[in-house]
Amino acid sequence: MKRLLIVYHTQGGHTGAMAEAVLRGARRATETETVMQRAGETTLEDLLACQGLLIGTPENFGTMAGMVKDFFDRTYYPAEGKTVGLPYALFVSAGNDGTGAVTQIDRIAIGYGWKRVAEPLIARNDVTEADLAACEELGEAMASGVALGIFCVWFQRAQEDSMKNSTSSFAYYARRFRIRRARAAPSRRPQIYDPAATGPHRERDRPPATGVRRRA
């Protein structure tokens, strides 16, 4: 059975309430095993065993919670190349706008090679019933996507790509870069001066006669 992992940290209880709502929604998809753990208790093995990830954090002074950062610190290098393409989504309890924590986590997720599959869910100030309903929808959608294999195609491709040796990967991207650069490059054909052509001509555009130096 495929597994969805919910990793969260809460201090004042707001993020905890959101996490519980996410869990309720996720468990409606009975084809997926959903596991919820606090960030400080989540291990590398938990991360490697999941096929989908939901991360919840409060925003403290524009940043993610320290325990969520600790989770990343403990798993980043040991998980390098092993979770490429992992689908993830975020839910944030924020007193301000929540975008600082989202930006931080998204940048770290790029390093892991994860793929965000839903817009971040941000509850500002107090967590309302509407926020909790949205959390349930997020959990159910994520668990259903994992169960139905919606994310599996590019997840598997990303895993396969990460297993390629560096030489073949370098050759592939170098080839793509050359093709892209060739398409973007301007024409290399020589620009021929034509006195009979219409339009103004400046004297400096005229090619100099043989043996005559052009003035600067």
N, C-alpha and C. Protein backbone atom coordinates (compact mmCIF):
# COMPACT_ATOMS: atom_id res chain seq x y z
N MET A 1 0.85 -1.20 0.00
CA MET A 1 0.00 0.00 0.00
C MET A 1 0.88 1.25 0.00
N LYS A 2 0.49 2.24 -0.81
CA LYS A 2 1.26 3.48 -0.88
C LYS A 2 1.03 4.31 0.37
N ARG A 3 2.04 5.12 0.69
CA ARG A 3 2.00 5.85 1.96
C ARG A 3 2.10 7.35 1.73
N LEU A 4 1.25 8.08 2.43
CA LEU A 4 1.31 9.54 2.49
C LEU A 4 1.81 9.93 3.87
N LEU A 5 2.84 10.75 3.91
CA LEU A 5 3.43 11.19 5.19
C LEU A 5 3.08 12.64 5.45
N ILE A 6 2.54 12.91 6.64
CA ILE A 6 2.25 14.28 7.08
C ILE A 6 3.25 14.63 8.17
N VAL A 7 4.07 15.63 7.91
CA VAL A 7 5.08 16.09 8.86
C VAL A 7 4.70 17.50 9.28
N TYR A 8 4.62 17.75 10.58
CA TYR A 8 4.19 19.08 11.03
C TYR A 8 4.84 19.42 12.36
N HIS A 9 4.77 20.71 12.68
CA HIS A 9 5.15 21.17 14.02
C HIS A 9 4.12 22.22 14.43
N THR A 10 3.77 22.21 15.71
CA THR A 10 2.82 23.19 16.22
C THR A 10 3.29 23.70 17.57
N GLN A 11 2.99 24.96 17.84
CA GLN A 11 3.33 25.57 19.13
C GLN A 11 2.07 26.07 19.82
N GLY A 12 1.34 26.93 19.15
CA GLY A 12 0.11 27.47 19.74
C GLY A 12 -1.11 26.62 19.48
N GLY A 13 -0.98 25.56 18.69
CA GLY A 13 -2.09 24.68 18.41
C GLY A 13 -2.76 24.90 17.06
N HIS A 14 -2.49 26.03 16.41
CA HIS A 14 -3.15 26.32 15.13
C HIS A 14 -2.71 25.34 14.05
N THR A 15 -1.40 25.15 13.93
CA THR A 15 -0.92 24.21 12.91
C THR A 15 -1.34 22.79 13.24
N GLY A 16 -1.41 22.47 14.55
CA GLY A 16 -1.87 21.15 14.96
C GLY A 16 -3.30 20.90 14.53
N ALA A 17 -4.17 21.91 14.67
CA ALA A 17 -5.56 21.77 14.23
C ALA A 17 -5.64 21.58 12.72
N MET A 18 -4.80 22.29 11.99
CA MET A 18 -4.76 22.12 10.53
C MET A 18 -4.28 20.72 10.16
N ALA A 19 -3.27 20.23 10.88
CA ALA A 19 -2.74 18.89 10.61
C ALA A 19 -3.80 17.81 10.86
N GLU A 20 -4.56 17.97 11.92
CA GLU A 20 -5.62 17.00 12.21
C GLU A 20 -6.68 17.01 11.11
N ALA A 21 -6.99 18.20 10.59
CA ALA A 21 -7.96 18.30 9.51
C ALA A 21 -7.42 17.65 8.23
N VAL A 22 -6.13 17.88 7.95
CA VAL A 22 -5.50 17.24 6.79
C VAL A 22 -5.57 15.73 6.92
N LEU A 23 -5.30 15.22 8.12
CA LEU A 23 -5.34 13.78 8.36
C LEU A 23 -6.74 13.22 8.15
N ARG A 24 -7.76 13.94 8.65
CA ARG A 24 -9.14 13.47 8.45
C ARG A 24 -9.47 13.34 6.98
N GLY A 25 -9.09 14.34 6.22
CA GLY A 25 -9.37 14.29 4.79
C GLY A 25 -8.59 13.18 4.10
N ALA A 26 -7.31 13.01 4.47
CA ALA A 26 -6.49 11.99 3.82
C ALA A 26 -7.01 10.59 4.08
N ARG A 27 -7.57 10.36 5.25
CA ARG A 27 -8.05 9.02 5.59
C ARG A 27 -9.35 8.64 4.90
N ARG A 28 -9.94 9.58 4.18
CA ARG A 28 -11.09 9.23 3.35
C ARG A 28 -10.65 8.38 2.15
N ALA A 29 -9.40 8.55 1.75
CA ALA A 29 -8.85 7.72 0.68
C ALA A 29 -8.26 6.47 1.32
N THR A 30 -9.06 5.45 1.45
CA THR A 30 -8.65 4.26 2.20
C THR A 30 -7.60 3.43 1.47
N GLU A 31 -7.38 3.72 0.19
CA GLU A 31 -6.38 2.97 -0.55
C GLU A 31 -4.96 3.41 -0.21
N THR A 32 -4.83 4.53 0.50
CA THR A 32 -3.52 5.05 0.88
C THR A 32 -3.35 4.95 2.39
N GLU A 33 -2.19 4.53 2.82
CA GLU A 33 -1.85 4.57 4.24
C GLU A 33 -1.33 5.96 4.58
N THR A 34 -2.00 6.62 5.49
CA THR A 34 -1.59 7.97 5.87
C THR A 34 -1.00 7.95 7.27
N VAL A 35 0.22 8.51 7.38
CA VAL A 35 0.93 8.56 8.65
C VAL A 35 1.21 10.02 8.98
N MET A 36 0.89 10.43 10.21
CA MET A 36 1.16 11.80 10.63
C MET A 36 2.12 11.79 11.81
N GLN A 37 3.16 12.60 11.71
CA GLN A 37 4.17 12.67 12.77
C GLN A 37 4.66 14.09 12.96
N ARG A 38 5.05 14.39 14.18
CA ARG A 38 5.71 15.67 14.43
C ARG A 38 7.08 15.67 13.76
N ALA A 39 7.49 16.85 13.34
CA ALA A 39 8.74 16.96 12.59
C ALA A 39 9.93 16.43 13.39
N GLY A 40 9.94 16.70 14.71
CA GLY A 40 11.06 16.26 15.52
C GLY A 40 11.16 14.76 15.68
N GLU A 41 10.08 14.04 15.40
CA GLU A 41 10.05 12.59 15.55
C GLU A 41 10.19 11.86 14.21
N THR A 42 10.21 12.61 13.11
CA THR A 42 10.26 12.00 11.79
C THR A 42 11.69 11.70 11.40
N THR A 43 11.92 10.50 10.90
CA THR A 43 13.27 10.04 10.57
C THR A 43 13.47 9.96 9.06
N LEU A 44 14.70 9.69 8.68
CA LEU A 44 15.03 9.47 7.27
C LEU A 44 14.24 8.29 6.71
N GLU A 45 14.12 7.23 7.50
CA GLU A 45 13.39 6.04 7.04
C GLU A 45 11.93 6.36 6.75
N ASP A 46 11.33 7.24 7.58
CA ASP A 46 9.95 7.65 7.33
C ASP A 46 9.83 8.38 5.99
N LEU A 47 10.78 9.24 5.72
CA LEU A 47 10.76 10.00 4.48
C LEU A 47 10.94 9.08 3.27
N LEU A 48 11.87 8.15 3.35
CA LEU A 48 12.15 7.27 2.22
C LEU A 48 11.01 6.30 1.95
N ALA A 49 10.17 6.06 2.96
CA ALA A 49 9.10 5.07 2.81
C ALA A 49 7.82 5.66 2.23
N CYS A 50 7.75 6.97 2.02
CA CYS A 50 6.50 7.58 1.57
C CYS A 50 6.53 7.86 0.07
N GLN A 51 5.33 7.92 -0.52
CA GLN A 51 5.16 8.28 -1.93
C GLN A 51 4.50 9.64 -2.10
N GLY A 52 4.24 10.30 -1.00
CA GLY A 52 3.68 11.64 -1.01
C GLY A 52 3.94 12.29 0.33
N LEU A 53 4.10 13.61 0.35
CA LEU A 53 4.50 14.31 1.57
C LEU A 53 3.70 15.60 1.74
N LEU A 54 3.17 15.79 2.94
CA LEU A 54 2.52 17.05 3.33
C LEU A 54 3.27 17.63 4.50
N ILE A 55 3.65 18.89 4.41
CA ILE A 55 4.44 19.55 5.44
C ILE A 55 3.62 20.71 6.02
N GLY A 56 3.50 20.73 7.35
CA GLY A 56 2.78 21.81 8.03
C GLY A 56 3.68 22.52 9.01
N THR A 57 3.61 23.84 8.99
CA THR A 57 4.46 24.62 9.89
C THR A 57 3.80 25.94 10.25
N PRO A 58 4.04 26.44 11.45
CA PRO A 58 3.71 27.84 11.72
C PRO A 58 4.77 28.73 11.10
N GLU A 59 4.41 29.95 10.82
CA GLU A 59 5.40 30.91 10.35
C GLU A 59 5.82 31.78 11.53
N ASN A 60 7.09 31.71 11.91
CA ASN A 60 7.63 32.47 13.02
C ASN A 60 8.58 33.54 12.50
N PHE A 61 8.20 34.81 12.65
CA PHE A 61 9.03 35.92 12.17
C PHE A 61 9.40 35.75 10.70
N GLY A 62 8.44 35.29 9.92
CA GLY A 62 8.66 35.15 8.48
C GLY A 62 9.41 33.90 8.07
N THR A 63 9.62 32.97 8.98
CA THR A 63 10.37 31.75 8.65
C THR A 63 9.59 30.52 9.12
N MET A 64 10.01 29.36 8.65
CA MET A 64 9.41 28.10 9.09
C MET A 64 9.80 27.82 10.54
N ALA A 65 9.11 26.89 11.16
CA ALA A 65 9.42 26.50 12.54
C ALA A 65 10.79 25.84 12.60
N GLY A 66 11.47 26.03 13.72
CA GLY A 66 12.80 25.46 13.89
C GLY A 66 12.82 23.94 13.81
N MET A 67 11.77 23.28 14.28
CA MET A 67 11.74 21.82 14.24
C MET A 67 11.55 21.30 12.82
N VAL A 68 10.84 22.05 11.99
CA VAL A 68 10.72 21.66 10.57
C VAL A 68 12.08 21.82 9.89
N LYS A 69 12.77 22.90 10.22
CA LYS A 69 14.13 23.08 9.69
C LYS A 69 15.04 21.96 10.17
N ASP A 70 14.87 21.53 11.41
CA ASP A 70 15.66 20.42 11.94
C ASP A 70 15.40 19.13 11.15
N PHE A 71 14.15 18.90 10.77
CA PHE A 71 13.82 17.74 9.95
C PHE A 71 14.58 17.77 8.63
N PHE A 72 14.63 18.94 8.01
CA PHE A 72 15.38 19.07 6.76
C PHE A 72 16.89 18.86 7.00
N ASP A 73 17.39 19.43 8.07
CA ASP A 73 18.82 19.30 8.36
C ASP A 73 19.24 17.84 8.54
N ARG A 74 18.37 17.05 9.17
CA ARG A 74 18.71 15.65 9.46
C ARG A 74 18.56 14.73 8.25
N THR A 75 17.74 15.13 7.30
CA THR A 75 17.46 14.20 6.19
C THR A 75 18.01 14.64 4.84
N TYR A 76 18.43 15.88 4.72
CA TYR A 76 18.77 16.41 3.40
C TYR A 76 19.88 15.60 2.72
N TYR A 77 21.04 15.54 3.34
CA TYR A 77 22.16 14.85 2.70
C TYR A 77 21.99 13.33 2.67
N PRO A 78 21.48 12.69 3.73
CA PRO A 78 21.26 11.24 3.64
C PRO A 78 20.23 10.85 2.57
N ALA A 79 19.28 11.76 2.28
CA ALA A 79 18.24 11.45 1.28
C ALA A 79 18.62 11.92 -0.11
N GLU A 80 19.81 12.46 -0.28
CA GLU A 80 20.20 13.04 -1.56
C GLU A 80 20.09 12.01 -2.69
N GLY A 81 19.31 12.36 -3.72
CA GLY A 81 19.13 11.49 -4.86
C GLY A 81 18.15 10.36 -4.66
N LYS A 82 17.58 10.22 -3.46
CA LYS A 82 16.69 9.08 -3.16
C LYS A 82 15.22 9.45 -3.15
N THR A 83 14.91 10.74 -3.12
CA THR A 83 13.51 11.17 -3.10
C THR A 83 13.20 12.12 -4.25
N VAL A 84 13.98 12.04 -5.31
CA VAL A 84 13.78 12.93 -6.45
C VAL A 84 12.39 12.70 -7.05
N GLY A 85 11.67 13.78 -7.28
CA GLY A 85 10.33 13.68 -7.85
C GLY A 85 9.22 13.46 -6.85
N LEU A 86 9.54 13.42 -5.56
CA LEU A 86 8.52 13.18 -4.54
C LEU A 86 7.48 14.30 -4.55
N PRO A 87 6.19 13.99 -4.70
CA PRO A 87 5.15 15.02 -4.68
C PRO A 87 4.92 15.53 -3.26
N TYR A 88 4.81 16.85 -3.11
CA TYR A 88 4.60 17.42 -1.78
C TYR A 88 3.67 18.62 -1.87
N ALA A 89 3.13 18.99 -0.72
CA ALA A 89 2.31 20.18 -0.59
C ALA A 89 2.50 20.74 0.82
N LEU A 90 2.08 22.00 1.02
CA LEU A 90 2.35 22.71 2.27
C LEU A 90 1.06 23.27 2.86
N PHE A 91 1.02 23.29 4.19
CA PHE A 91 -0.01 24.06 4.89
C PHE A 91 0.67 24.84 6.01
N VAL A 92 0.29 26.12 6.14
CA VAL A 92 1.01 27.05 7.01
C VAL A 92 0.02 27.84 7.84
N SER A 93 0.31 27.97 9.13
CA SER A 93 -0.43 28.87 10.01
C SER A 93 0.42 30.11 10.23
N ALA A 94 -0.10 31.25 9.83
CA ALA A 94 0.73 32.46 9.83
C ALA A 94 0.02 33.62 10.49
N GLY A 95 0.79 34.40 11.23
CA GLY A 95 0.26 35.64 11.78
C GLY A 95 0.39 36.77 10.79
N ASN A 96 1.26 36.60 9.80
CA ASN A 96 1.45 37.62 8.78
C ASN A 96 0.89 37.11 7.45
N ASP A 97 1.74 36.91 6.43
CA ASP A 97 1.21 36.45 5.14
C ASP A 97 1.61 35.02 4.81
N GLY A 98 2.56 34.45 5.52
CA GLY A 98 2.91 33.06 5.32
C GLY A 98 3.84 32.77 4.18
N THR A 99 4.11 33.75 3.35
CA THR A 99 4.91 33.49 2.15
C THR A 99 6.38 33.26 2.46
N GLY A 100 6.85 33.80 3.58
CA GLY A 100 8.26 33.59 3.93
C GLY A 100 8.57 32.13 4.18
N ALA A 101 7.72 31.47 4.97
CA ALA A 101 7.92 30.05 5.25
C ALA A 101 7.77 29.22 3.98
N VAL A 102 6.79 29.56 3.15
CA VAL A 102 6.59 28.82 1.91
C VAL A 102 7.81 28.93 1.01
N THR A 103 8.33 30.14 0.87
CA THR A 103 9.51 30.35 0.01
C THR A 103 10.70 29.55 0.50
N GLN A 104 10.92 29.55 1.81
CA GLN A 104 12.04 28.79 2.37
C GLN A 104 11.92 27.30 2.07
N ILE A 105 10.74 26.74 2.33
CA ILE A 105 10.56 25.30 2.14
C ILE A 105 10.64 24.94 0.66
N ASP A 106 10.08 25.77 -0.20
CA ASP A 106 10.15 25.49 -1.63
C ASP A 106 11.60 25.46 -2.11
N ARG A 107 12.42 26.36 -1.60
CA ARG A 107 13.83 26.37 -2.01
C ARG A 107 14.54 25.10 -1.55
N ILE A 108 14.26 24.67 -0.34
CA ILE A 108 14.87 23.44 0.17
C ILE A 108 14.38 22.25 -0.64
N ALA A 109 13.09 22.25 -0.97
CA ALA A 109 12.52 21.14 -1.74
C ALA A 109 13.16 21.00 -3.11
N ILE A 110 13.56 22.11 -3.69
CA ILE A 110 14.27 22.05 -4.98
C ILE A 110 15.55 21.25 -4.83
N GLY A 111 16.24 21.44 -3.71
CA GLY A 111 17.46 20.69 -3.47
C GLY A 111 17.23 19.19 -3.37
N TYR A 112 16.13 18.81 -2.75
CA TYR A 112 15.77 17.39 -2.67
C TYR A 112 15.36 16.84 -4.05
N GLY A 113 14.85 17.75 -4.90
CA GLY A 113 14.30 17.31 -6.19
C GLY A 113 12.82 17.01 -6.12
N TRP A 114 12.12 17.53 -5.10
CA TRP A 114 10.69 17.26 -4.93
C TRP A 114 9.88 18.11 -5.91
N LYS A 115 8.62 17.73 -6.06
CA LYS A 115 7.70 18.43 -6.97
C LYS A 115 6.47 18.87 -6.19
N ARG A 116 6.23 20.18 -6.11
CA ARG A 116 5.03 20.66 -5.43
C ARG A 116 3.83 20.48 -6.34
N VAL A 117 2.78 19.85 -5.83
CA VAL A 117 1.63 19.47 -6.66
C VAL A 117 0.35 20.22 -6.29
N ALA A 118 0.43 21.14 -5.33
CA ALA A 118 -0.75 21.92 -4.94
C ALA A 118 -0.29 23.27 -4.43
N GLU A 119 -1.17 24.25 -4.55
CA GLU A 119 -0.86 25.57 -4.02
C GLU A 119 -0.77 25.51 -2.49
N PRO A 120 0.15 26.26 -1.87
CA PRO A 120 0.25 26.25 -0.41
C PRO A 120 -1.06 26.72 0.23
N LEU A 121 -1.44 26.05 1.30
CA LEU A 121 -2.64 26.43 2.06
C LEU A 121 -2.19 27.24 3.26
N ILE A 122 -2.55 28.51 3.30
CA ILE A 122 -2.09 29.42 4.35
C ILE A 122 -3.30 29.93 5.13
N ALA A 123 -3.29 29.67 6.44
CA ALA A 123 -4.33 30.21 7.33
C ALA A 123 -3.72 31.40 8.07
N ARG A 124 -4.27 32.56 7.85
CA ARG A 124 -3.72 33.79 8.46
C ARG A 124 -4.50 34.15 9.72
N ASN A 125 -3.74 34.50 10.75
CA ASN A 125 -4.31 34.82 12.06
C ASN A 125 -5.02 33.59 12.62
N ASP A 126 -6.29 33.70 12.98
CA ASP A 126 -7.00 32.55 13.54
C ASP A 126 -7.35 31.54 12.45
N VAL A 127 -7.33 30.27 12.82
CA VAL A 127 -7.72 29.20 11.89
C VAL A 127 -9.24 29.08 11.91
N THR A 128 -9.87 29.31 10.79
CA THR A 128 -11.33 29.31 10.70
C THR A 128 -11.84 27.94 10.24
N GLU A 129 -13.15 27.80 10.30
CA GLU A 129 -13.77 26.56 9.81
C GLU A 129 -13.50 26.39 8.31
N ALA A 130 -13.48 27.50 7.60
CA ALA A 130 -13.18 27.42 6.16
C ALA A 130 -11.76 26.91 5.93
N ASP A 131 -10.83 27.35 6.78
CA ASP A 131 -9.44 26.87 6.67
C ASP A 131 -9.37 25.36 6.93
N LEU A 132 -10.09 24.89 7.95
CA LEU A 132 -10.07 23.47 8.28
C LEU A 132 -10.71 22.64 7.16
N ALA A 133 -11.79 23.17 6.57
CA ALA A 133 -12.41 22.47 5.45
C ALA A 133 -11.45 22.37 4.27
N ALA A 134 -10.70 23.46 4.04
CA ALA A 134 -9.71 23.43 2.95
C ALA A 134 -8.60 22.44 3.25
N CYS A 135 -8.23 22.32 4.52
CA CYS A 135 -7.21 21.34 4.91
C CYS A 135 -7.67 19.92 4.64
N GLU A 136 -8.94 19.64 4.96
CA GLU A 136 -9.49 18.31 4.69
C GLU A 136 -9.47 18.01 3.20
N GLU A 137 -9.82 19.00 2.40
CA GLU A 137 -9.80 18.81 0.95
C GLU A 137 -8.38 18.56 0.46
N LEU A 138 -7.42 19.28 1.01
CA LEU A 138 -6.03 19.09 0.61
C LEU A 138 -5.56 17.68 0.94
N GLY A 139 -5.86 17.23 2.17
CA GLY A 139 -5.46 15.88 2.56
C GLY A 139 -6.08 14.81 1.70
N GLU A 140 -7.39 14.95 1.43
CA GLU A 140 -8.07 13.95 0.60
C GLU A 140 -7.53 13.94 -0.82
N ALA A 141 -7.31 15.13 -1.38
CA ALA A 141 -6.79 15.21 -2.75
C ALA A 141 -5.40 14.60 -2.86
N MET A 142 -4.56 14.88 -1.88
CA MET A 142 -3.20 14.36 -1.91
C MET A 142 -3.19 12.84 -1.76
N ALA A 143 -3.97 12.32 -0.81
CA ALA A 143 -4.02 10.88 -0.60
C ALA A 143 -4.63 10.16 -1.80
N SER A 144 -5.64 10.76 -2.41
CA SER A 144 -6.26 10.16 -3.59
C SER A 144 -5.28 10.15 -4.76
N GLY A 145 -4.53 11.24 -4.92
CA GLY A 145 -3.54 11.29 -5.99
C GLY A 145 -2.47 10.23 -5.84
N VAL A 146 -2.03 10.02 -4.60
CA VAL A 146 -1.03 8.97 -4.34
C VAL A 146 -1.63 7.60 -4.63
N ALA A 147 -2.87 7.37 -4.20
CA ALA A 147 -3.51 6.06 -4.38
C ALA A 147 -3.73 5.74 -5.85
N LEU A 148 -4.16 6.74 -6.63
CA LEU A 148 -4.48 6.52 -8.04
C LEU A 148 -3.25 6.55 -8.93
N GLY A 149 -2.11 6.89 -8.37
CA GLY A 149 -0.89 6.93 -9.17
C GLY A 149 -0.79 8.14 -10.07
N ILE A 150 -1.52 9.22 -9.74
CA ILE A 150 -1.48 10.42 -10.57
C ILE A 150 -0.07 10.99 -10.64
N PHE A 151 0.65 10.90 -9.54
CA PHE A 151 1.99 11.48 -9.50
C PHE A 151 3.07 10.47 -9.88
N CYS A 152 2.69 9.21 -10.10
CA CYS A 152 3.69 8.15 -10.21
C CYS A 152 4.53 8.23 -11.47
N VAL A 153 3.94 8.67 -12.60
CA VAL A 153 4.65 8.62 -13.86
C VAL A 153 5.92 9.45 -13.80
N TRP A 154 5.76 10.75 -13.43
CA TRP A 154 6.96 11.57 -13.41
C TRP A 154 7.80 11.32 -12.18
N PHE A 155 7.19 10.76 -11.11
CA PHE A 155 7.98 10.38 -9.93
C PHE A 155 8.95 9.26 -10.31
N GLN A 156 8.45 8.26 -11.05
CA GLN A 156 9.31 7.16 -11.47
C GLN A 156 10.36 7.63 -12.47
N ARG A 157 9.96 8.51 -13.38
CA ARG A 157 10.93 9.02 -14.35
C ARG A 157 12.02 9.81 -13.66
N ALA A 158 11.63 10.61 -12.66
CA ALA A 158 12.64 11.38 -11.93
C ALA A 158 13.59 10.45 -11.19
N GLN A 159 13.05 9.37 -10.62
CA GLN A 159 13.90 8.41 -9.93
C GLN A 159 14.86 7.76 -10.91
N GLU A 160 14.37 7.41 -12.11
CA GLU A 160 15.24 6.80 -13.11
C GLU A 160 16.32 7.77 -13.56
N ASP A 161 15.93 9.04 -13.75
CA ASP A 161 16.92 10.04 -14.16
C ASP A 161 18.01 10.21 -13.12
N SER A 162 17.62 10.15 -11.84
CA SER A 162 18.60 10.35 -10.77
C SER A 162 19.60 9.19 -10.71
N MET A 163 19.24 8.04 -11.29
CA MET A 163 20.12 6.89 -11.28
C MET A 163 21.09 6.88 -12.46
N LYS A 164 20.87 7.74 -13.43
CA LYS A 164 21.77 7.79 -14.58
C LYS A 164 23.14 8.28 -14.13
N ASN A 165 24.16 7.83 -14.83
CA ASN A 165 25.49 8.30 -14.46
C ASN A 165 25.66 9.74 -14.91
N SER A 166 26.58 10.42 -14.27
CA SER A 166 26.74 11.86 -14.49
C SER A 166 27.17 12.16 -15.92
N THR A 167 27.91 11.25 -16.57
CA THR A 167 28.39 11.50 -17.92
C THR A 167 27.23 11.57 -18.90
N SER A 168 26.31 10.59 -18.84
CA SER A 168 25.19 10.59 -19.76
C SER A 168 24.27 11.76 -19.49
N SER A 169 24.06 12.11 -18.22
CA SER A 169 23.21 13.25 -17.88
C SER A 169 23.83 14.55 -18.39
N PHE A 170 25.16 14.68 -18.24
CA PHE A 170 25.83 15.88 -18.72
C PHE A 170 25.70 15.99 -20.24
N ALA A 171 25.89 14.86 -20.93
CA ALA A 171 25.80 14.88 -22.39
C ALA A 171 24.39 15.27 -22.83
N TYR A 172 23.38 14.76 -22.12
CA TYR A 172 21.99 15.06 -22.48
C TYR A 172 21.71 16.55 -22.34
N TYR A 173 22.05 17.12 -21.19
CA TYR A 173 21.75 18.53 -20.96
C TYR A 173 22.63 19.44 -21.81
N ALA A 174 23.87 19.00 -22.06
CA ALA A 174 24.74 19.78 -22.94
C ALA A 174 24.16 19.83 -24.35
N ARG A 175 23.64 18.70 -24.82
CA ARG A 175 23.03 18.66 -26.14
C ARG A 175 21.81 19.56 -26.20
N ARG A 176 20.97 19.52 -25.16
CA ARG A 176 19.80 20.38 -25.12
C ARG A 176 20.20 21.85 -25.11
N PHE A 177 21.27 22.15 -24.38
CA PHE A 177 21.71 23.53 -24.30
C PHE A 177 22.19 24.01 -25.67
N ARG A 178 22.93 23.17 -26.40
CA ARG A 178 23.42 23.56 -27.72
C ARG A 178 22.26 23.79 -28.68
N ILE A 179 21.25 22.90 -28.62
CA ILE A 179 20.11 23.08 -29.51
C ILE A 179 19.37 24.36 -29.17
N ARG A 180 19.16 24.60 -27.88
CA ARG A 180 18.43 25.79 -27.45
C ARG A 180 19.20 27.06 -27.82
N ARG A 181 20.53 27.02 -27.65
CA ARG A 181 21.34 28.19 -27.97
C ARG A 181 21.34 28.45 -29.47
N ALA A 182 21.36 27.36 -30.27
CA ALA A 182 21.36 27.52 -31.72
C ALA A 182 20.07 28.15 -32.20
N ARG A 183 18.94 27.78 -31.56
CA ARG A 183 17.66 28.35 -31.95
C ARG A 183 17.57 29.82 -31.58
N ALA A 184 18.19 30.18 -30.46
CA ALA A 184 18.09 31.56 -29.98
C ALA A 184 19.11 32.48 -30.64
N ALA A 185 20.15 31.93 -31.27
CA ALA A 185 21.23 32.75 -31.82
C ALA A 185 20.74 33.51 -33.05
N PRO A 186 21.21 34.75 -33.24
CA PRO A 186 20.84 35.50 -34.44
C PRO A 186 21.51 34.90 -35.67
N SER A 187 21.04 35.31 -36.83
CA SER A 187 21.59 34.79 -38.08
C SER A 187 23.07 35.12 -38.19
N ARG A 188 23.86 34.14 -38.68
CA ARG A 188 25.29 34.33 -38.86
C ARG A 188 25.65 34.81 -40.26
N ARG A 189 24.65 34.97 -41.14
CA ARG A 189 24.97 35.38 -42.51
C ARG A 189 25.55 36.78 -42.52
N PRO A 190 26.54 37.02 -43.40
CA PRO A 190 27.16 38.35 -43.44
C PRO A 190 26.16 39.40 -43.89
N GLN A 191 26.27 40.58 -43.30
CA GLN A 191 25.42 41.69 -43.68
C GLN A 191 26.08 42.43 -44.84
N ILE A 192 25.45 42.36 -46.02
CA ILE A 192 26.04 42.92 -47.24
C ILE A 192 25.52 44.33 -47.44
N TYR A 193 26.47 45.24 -47.68
CA TYR A 193 26.09 46.63 -47.94
C TYR A 193 25.58 46.74 -49.37
N ASP A 194 24.39 47.32 -49.55
CA ASP A 194 23.79 47.45 -50.87
C ASP A 194 23.41 48.90 -51.09
N PRO A 195 24.18 49.63 -51.90
CA PRO A 195 23.88 51.05 -52.10
C PRO A 195 22.53 51.28 -52.78
N ALA A 196 22.04 50.25 -53.50
CA ALA A 196 20.79 50.43 -54.22
C ALA A 196 19.57 50.17 -53.36
N ALA A 197 19.80 49.64 -52.17
CA ALA A 197 18.67 49.32 -51.32
C ALA A 197 18.00 50.59 -50.82
N THR A 198 16.71 50.52 -50.56
CA THR A 198 15.99 51.68 -50.05
C THR A 198 16.32 51.90 -48.59
N GLY A 199 16.12 53.11 -48.13
CA GLY A 199 16.38 53.42 -46.74
C GLY A 199 17.68 54.17 -46.59
N PRO A 200 17.84 54.91 -45.49
CA PRO A 200 19.04 55.70 -45.27
C PRO A 200 20.26 54.84 -45.03
N HIS A 201 21.40 55.31 -45.51
CA HIS A 201 22.68 54.64 -45.28
C HIS A 201 23.63 55.66 -44.68
N ARG A 202 24.33 55.24 -43.67
CA ARG A 202 25.35 56.12 -43.09
C ARG A 202 26.69 55.80 -43.72
N GLU A 203 27.53 56.77 -43.77
CA GLU A 203 28.82 56.60 -44.43
C GLU A 203 29.63 55.48 -43.80
N ARG A 204 29.51 55.30 -42.47
CA ARG A 204 30.32 54.29 -41.83
C ARG A 204 29.85 52.88 -42.17
N ASP A 205 28.65 52.75 -42.76
CA ASP A 205 28.17 51.44 -43.17
C ASP A 205 28.78 50.98 -44.49
N ARG A 206 29.32 51.94 -45.24
CA ARG A 206 29.88 51.59 -46.55
C ARG A 206 31.23 50.90 -46.35
N PRO A 207 31.48 49.77 -46.99
CA PRO A 207 32.78 49.12 -46.84
C PRO A 207 33.88 49.98 -47.41
N PRO A 208 35.02 50.08 -46.73
CA PRO A 208 36.10 50.94 -47.22
C PRO A 208 36.72 50.38 -48.48
N ALA A 209 37.20 51.27 -49.33
CA ALA A 209 37.90 50.85 -50.54
C ALA A 209 39.23 50.20 -50.17
N THR A 210 39.75 49.39 -51.07
CA THR A 210 41.00 48.69 -50.80
C THR A 210 42.13 49.68 -50.60
N GLY A 211 42.84 49.49 -49.53
CA GLY A 211 43.98 50.35 -49.24
C GLY A 211 43.63 51.67 -48.61
N VAL A 212 42.34 51.93 -48.36
CA VAL A 212 41.92 53.18 -47.75
C VAL A 212 41.49 52.89 -46.32
N ARG A 213 42.04 53.65 -45.38
CA ARG A 213 41.69 53.45 -43.97
C ARG A 213 40.45 54.25 -43.62
N ARG A 214 39.54 53.61 -42.97
CA ARG A 214 38.31 54.28 -42.54
C ARG A 214 38.61 55.13 -41.32
N ARG A 215 38.02 56.32 -41.32
CA ARG A 215 38.17 57.17 -40.15
C ARG A 215 37.38 56.61 -38.99
N ALA A 216 37.95 56.80 -37.77
CA ALA A 216 37.27 56.33 -36.56
C ALA A 216 36.10 57.24 -36.26
